[in-house]
Protein backbone atom coordinates (compact mmCIF):
# COMPACT_ATOMS: atom_id res chain seq x y z
CA UNK A 1 20.31 6.32 -5.11
CA UNK A 2 18.13 3.21 -4.82
CA UNK A 3 14.47 4.13 -5.05
CA UNK A 4 11.44 1.87 -4.79
CA UNK A 5 7.76 2.34 -5.65
CA UNK A 6 5.00 0.76 -3.55
CA UNK A 7 1.68 1.18 -5.33
CA UNK A 8 -1.68 0.07 -4.00
CA UNK A 9 -5.23 1.18 -3.37
CA UNK A 10 -4.57 1.59 0.39
CA UNK A 11 -8.32 1.91 1.04
CA UNK A 12 -7.48 2.58 3.83
CA UNK A 13 -3.82 2.09 4.69
CA UNK A 14 -3.42 -0.62 7.35
CA UNK A 15 -0.77 -1.21 9.97
CA UNK A 16 0.41 -4.07 7.75
CA UNK A 17 1.06 -1.58 4.93
CA UNK A 18 2.80 0.74 7.36
CA UNK A 19 4.99 -2.14 8.56
CA UNK A 20 6.10 -2.98 5.01
CA UNK A 21 6.81 0.68 4.24
CA UNK A 22 8.78 1.18 7.45
CA UNK A 23 10.95 -1.83 6.68
CA UNK A 24 11.42 -0.71 3.07
CA UNK A 25 12.49 2.72 4.30
CA UNK A 26 15.40 1.05 6.11
CA UNK A 27 16.47 -0.82 2.95
CA UNK A 28 15.94 1.80 0.23
CA UNK A 29 17.15 5.37 0.14
CA UNK A 30 13.76 6.61 -1.12
CA UNK A 31 10.32 4.98 -0.94
CA UNK A 32 7.47 6.32 -3.06
CA UNK A 33 3.99 5.24 -1.98
CA UNK A 34 1.45 5.62 -4.78
CA UNK A 35 -2.24 5.71 -3.99
CA UNK A 36 -3.58 3.97 -7.09
CA UNK A 37 -6.97 3.19 -8.54
CA UNK A 38 -7.99 -0.47 -8.47
CA UNK A 39 -10.65 -0.93 -11.14
CA UNK A 40 -11.78 -4.18 -9.47
CA UNK A 41 -12.72 -2.47 -6.21
CA UNK A 42 -15.19 0.24 -5.27
CA UNK A 43 -13.21 2.60 -3.06
CA UNK A 44 -14.54 3.57 0.37
CA UNK A 45 -12.39 6.73 0.48
CA UNK A 46 -11.35 9.24 -2.18
CA UNK A 47 -7.76 9.17 -3.41
CA UNK A 48 -7.18 12.44 -1.53
CA UNK A 49 -8.48 10.95 1.73
CA UNK A 50 -6.33 7.84 1.29
CA UNK A 51 -3.31 10.05 0.57
CA UNK A 52 -3.97 12.04 3.76
CA UNK A 53 -4.24 8.83 5.84
CA UNK A 54 -0.97 7.53 4.40
CA UNK A 55 0.85 10.83 4.89
CA UNK A 56 -0.32 10.99 8.50
CA UNK A 57 0.72 7.39 9.20
CA UNK A 58 4.12 7.79 7.54
CA UNK A 59 5.03 11.35 8.50
CA UNK A 60 7.87 10.18 10.74
CA UNK A 61 9.69 8.54 7.81
CA UNK A 62 11.79 11.22 6.12
CA UNK A 63 12.62 9.15 3.04
CA UNK A 64 9.00 8.30 2.18
CA UNK A 65 6.86 10.32 -0.24
CA UNK A 66 3.15 9.69 -0.79
CA UNK A 67 1.39 10.56 -4.05
CA UNK A 68 -1.77 9.82 -6.02
CA UNK A 69 -1.44 8.02 -9.34
CA UNK A 70 -3.95 7.32 -12.07
CA UNK A 71 -1.54 5.57 -14.42
CA UNK A 72 -0.04 2.13 -14.81
CA UNK A 73 2.48 1.47 -12.06
CA UNK A 74 5.26 0.76 -14.57
CA UNK A 75 4.61 4.10 -16.28
CA UNK A 76 4.74 5.95 -12.96
CA UNK A 77 7.95 4.11 -12.08
CA UNK A 78 9.49 5.10 -15.42
CA UNK A 79 8.55 8.76 -14.93
CA UNK A 80 10.17 8.70 -11.46
CA UNK A 81 13.29 6.91 -12.70
CA UNK A 82 12.48 3.81 -10.64
CA UNK A 83 13.21 0.24 -11.70
CA UNK A 84 12.21 -1.52 -8.46
CA UNK A 85 8.63 -2.11 -7.37
CA UNK A 86 7.77 -3.13 -3.82
CA UNK A 87 5.00 -5.50 -2.81
CA UNK A 88 4.03 -6.68 0.64
CA UNK A 89 2.92 -10.29 0.96
CA UNK A 90 0.92 -11.81 3.81
CA UNK A 91 1.04 -15.44 2.76
CA UNK A 92 1.04 -17.92 -0.10
CA UNK A 93 -2.23 -16.70 -1.64
CA UNK A 94 -0.84 -13.15 -1.81
CA UNK A 95 2.40 -14.44 -3.29
CA UNK A 96 0.61 -16.21 -6.15
CA UNK A 97 -1.32 -13.11 -7.22
CA UNK A 98 1.66 -10.80 -6.65
CA UNK A 99 3.89 -13.05 -8.77
CA UNK A 100 1.39 -12.78 -11.63
CA UNK A 101 1.35 -8.98 -11.32
CA UNK A 102 5.16 -8.88 -11.15
CA UNK A 103 5.34 -10.96 -14.33
CA UNK A 104 2.95 -8.65 -16.17
CA UNK A 105 4.85 -5.57 -15.02
CA UNK A 106 8.10 -7.10 -16.27
CA UNK A 107 6.46 -7.80 -19.63
CA UNK A 108 5.31 -4.17 -19.81
CA UNK A 109 8.81 -2.91 -18.91
CA UNK A 110 11.67 -5.41 -18.91
CA UNK A 111 13.77 -3.10 -16.71
CA UNK A 112 11.28 -3.42 -13.85
CA UNK A 113 12.04 -5.78 -10.97
CA UNK A 114 9.66 -6.54 -8.11
CA UNK A 115 10.84 -7.04 -4.53
CA UNK A 116 8.61 -8.74 -1.96
CA UNK A 117 8.68 -7.98 1.74
CA UNK A 118 6.68 -10.31 3.96
CA UNK A 119 4.35 -8.59 6.38
CA UNK A 120 5.24 -9.02 10.04
CA UNK A 121 3.41 -11.89 11.73
CA UNK A 122 1.24 -9.48 13.77
CA UNK A 123 -0.28 -8.10 10.56
CA UNK A 124 -0.55 -11.14 8.28
CA UNK A 125 -4.28 -11.52 8.84
CA UNK A 126 -5.07 -7.92 7.92
CA UNK A 127 -6.65 -6.73 4.71
CA UNK A 128 -8.43 -3.46 4.10
CA UNK A 129 -11.57 -5.30 2.97
CA UNK A 130 -11.72 -7.46 6.12
CA UNK A 131 -11.17 -4.40 8.31
CA UNK A 132 -13.98 -2.54 6.49
CA UNK A 133 -16.25 -5.51 7.18
CA UNK A 134 -15.45 -5.31 10.91
CA UNK A 135 -16.11 -1.55 10.84
CA UNK A 136 -19.50 -2.06 9.14
CA UNK A 137 -20.57 -4.10 12.16
CA UNK A 138 -19.09 -1.56 14.59
CA UNK A 139 -16.22 -3.79 15.72
CA UNK A 140 -13.00 -2.39 17.17
CA UNK A 141 -10.63 -1.58 14.29
CA UNK A 142 -8.19 0.57 16.29
CA UNK A 143 -5.56 -2.17 16.46
CA UNK A 144 -5.56 -2.66 12.68
CA UNK A 145 -5.31 0.88 11.28
CA UNK A 146 -3.37 4.07 11.93
CA UNK A 147 -5.38 6.42 14.17
CA UNK A 148 -6.60 8.89 11.52
CA UNK A 149 -7.70 6.12 9.15
CA UNK A 150 -9.42 4.19 11.96
CA UNK A 151 -11.40 7.24 13.04
CA UNK A 152 -12.47 8.02 9.48
CA UNK A 153 -13.55 4.45 8.81
CA UNK A 154 -15.46 4.30 12.10
CA UNK A 155 -17.25 7.54 11.16
CA UNK A 156 -17.98 6.24 7.66
CA UNK A 157 -20.05 3.39 9.10
CA UNK A 158 -21.85 5.21 11.95
């Protein structure tokens, strides 16, 4: 069984993330989505809230499991018996940073391979931080986020 792990902060999960996960679910037999801690970012939502948003957005995908992780992605992958990591890329700037991360992960565990799925054109401009900025100024974020996440973010900045 080919399994893949897609780890990220997902603060909150965007329609771009959902797109990548949906496409991965058609390629891999099992997709694990790990809500991880990014030490470079101050999270807007708790890990439990982010997990709930992801579960709600992905509940129609039977081969997708969402979990919270507070460990290195390669360690979580090893504990799940996974050797393939998934990353979504929006463009060349994403690819550069994702390649660096993929290289480090491979150095930490030489059995780990990273697969990149480009985000669909409709979602290439989306990032959680840009969407949060729009929400702070009470802009319409409904076309960027799953419904539950959009409502929570809107309420966060009332």
